[in-house]
Amino acid sequence: MVAEAANIPVSPEIEEVLQKRGVLVVPDIIANAGGVISSYAEYRGYNPKQMLKLVQRKICRNTGIVLEYAEEKNMGLRDAALNIAKERIRRARSY
């Protein structure tokens, strides 16, 4: 498994090579999502316990969704996460 650091993803070509070798590549947008969520929690005034609970809930739920989608569509985690994000944006804009 390779977990990308913030804003330093591997190139799409390298990601594809790793995936073909059976290496799970966790893209930075998944691996670092906890930081964004905790910043939101801090902004909202959550205490550390509330913040951790929120991060755990969102990370577990959304990582599961991305993993299932990627397997179902036979694609990498980055593409799966981006497809899900685009669909969520489309739905939000349609309201």
Protein backbone atom coordinates (compact mmCIF):
# COMPACT_ATOMS: atom_id res chain seq x y z
CA MET A 1 0.00 0.00 0.00
CA VAL A 2 1.13 3.54 -0.77
CA ALA A 3 -0.52 6.43 1.05
CA GLU A 4 0.19 9.71 -0.67
CA ALA A 5 1.28 12.75 1.30
CA ALA A 6 -0.62 16.02 1.07
CA ASN A 7 -0.44 17.56 -2.39
CA ILE A 8 2.31 15.20 -3.53
CA PRO A 9 0.48 12.54 -5.52
CA VAL A 10 2.29 10.11 -7.74
CA SER A 11 1.80 10.66 -11.46
CA PRO A 12 -1.17 8.91 -13.07
CA GLU A 13 1.24 6.69 -15.00
CA ILE A 14 3.03 5.52 -11.84
CA GLU A 15 -0.30 5.06 -10.06
CA GLU A 16 -1.44 2.80 -12.90
CA VAL A 17 1.78 0.74 -12.77
CA LEU A 18 1.43 0.28 -9.01
CA GLN A 19 -2.22 -0.74 -9.33
CA LYS A 20 -1.35 -3.32 -11.99
CA ARG A 21 1.18 -4.78 -9.54
CA GLY A 22 -1.54 -5.08 -6.91
CA VAL A 23 -0.39 -2.11 -4.84
CA LEU A 24 -3.24 -0.18 -3.26
CA VAL A 25 -2.61 3.54 -3.81
CA VAL A 26 -4.45 5.71 -1.30
CA PRO A 27 -4.68 9.15 -2.93
CA ASP A 28 -3.90 12.29 -0.97
CA ILE A 29 -7.54 13.39 -1.15
CA ILE A 30 -8.46 10.36 0.96
CA ALA A 31 -5.34 10.02 3.12
CA ASN A 32 -5.48 13.64 4.25
CA ALA A 33 -9.22 14.23 4.49
CA GLY A 34 -9.08 14.13 8.29
CA GLY A 35 -7.22 17.44 8.33
CA VAL A 36 -9.94 19.18 6.37
CA ILE A 37 -12.68 17.67 8.51
CA SER A 38 -10.93 18.59 11.76
CA SER A 39 -10.48 22.18 10.51
CA TYR A 40 -14.22 22.34 9.91
CA ALA A 41 -14.87 20.96 13.40
CA GLU A 42 -12.53 23.53 14.93
CA TYR A 43 -14.30 26.31 13.02
CA ARG A 44 -17.64 25.07 14.38
CA GLY A 45 -16.27 25.11 17.93
CA TYR A 46 -16.22 21.36 18.54
CA ASN A 47 -14.19 20.11 21.46
CA PRO A 48 -11.42 17.56 20.69
CA LYS A 49 -13.61 14.58 21.54
CA GLN A 50 -16.42 15.77 19.23
CA MET A 51 -13.90 16.52 16.50
CA LEU A 52 -12.35 13.05 16.66
CA LYS A 53 -15.78 11.41 16.57
CA LEU A 54 -16.74 13.45 13.50
CA VAL A 55 -13.46 12.66 11.70
CA GLN A 56 -13.75 8.94 12.45
CA ARG A 57 -17.38 8.79 11.30
CA LYS A 58 -16.79 10.64 8.05
CA ILE A 59 -13.49 8.93 7.18
CA CYS A 60 -14.85 5.42 7.81
CA ARG A 61 -18.09 6.03 5.93
CA ASN A 62 -16.61 7.77 2.91
CA THR A 63 -13.56 5.53 2.58
CA GLY A 64 -15.91 2.55 2.52
CA ILE A 65 -17.98 4.19 -0.20
CA VAL A 66 -14.88 4.90 -2.29
CA LEU A 67 -13.50 1.37 -1.86
CA GLU A 68 -16.80 -0.23 -2.88
CA TYR A 69 -17.22 2.09 -5.86
CA ALA A 70 -13.65 1.45 -7.05
CA GLU A 71 -14.11 -2.30 -6.85
CA GLU A 72 -17.52 -2.19 -8.51
CA LYS A 73 -16.25 -0.02 -11.39
CA ASN A 74 -12.81 -1.67 -11.54
CA MET A 75 -10.91 1.60 -11.15
CA GLY A 76 -8.37 3.22 -8.87
CA LEU A 77 -9.28 4.97 -5.65
CA ARG A 78 -8.46 8.45 -6.99
CA ASP A 79 -10.80 8.07 -9.96
CA ALA A 80 -13.48 6.58 -7.74
CA ALA A 81 -13.20 9.41 -5.21
CA LEU A 82 -13.29 12.05 -7.93
CA ASN A 83 -16.32 10.46 -9.62
CA ILE A 84 -18.19 10.34 -6.31
CA ALA A 85 -17.26 13.96 -5.56
CA LYS A 86 -18.43 15.14 -8.99
CA GLU A 87 -21.73 13.31 -8.56
CA ARG A 88 -22.25 14.88 -5.13
CA ILE A 89 -21.58 18.32 -6.58
CA ARG A 90 -24.03 17.71 -9.43
CA ARG A 91 -26.71 16.64 -6.94
CA ALA A 92 -26.06 19.64 -4.69
CA ARG A 93 -26.29 22.04 -7.61
CA SER A 94 -29.60 20.58 -8.76
CA TYR A 95 -31.39 21.63 -5.53
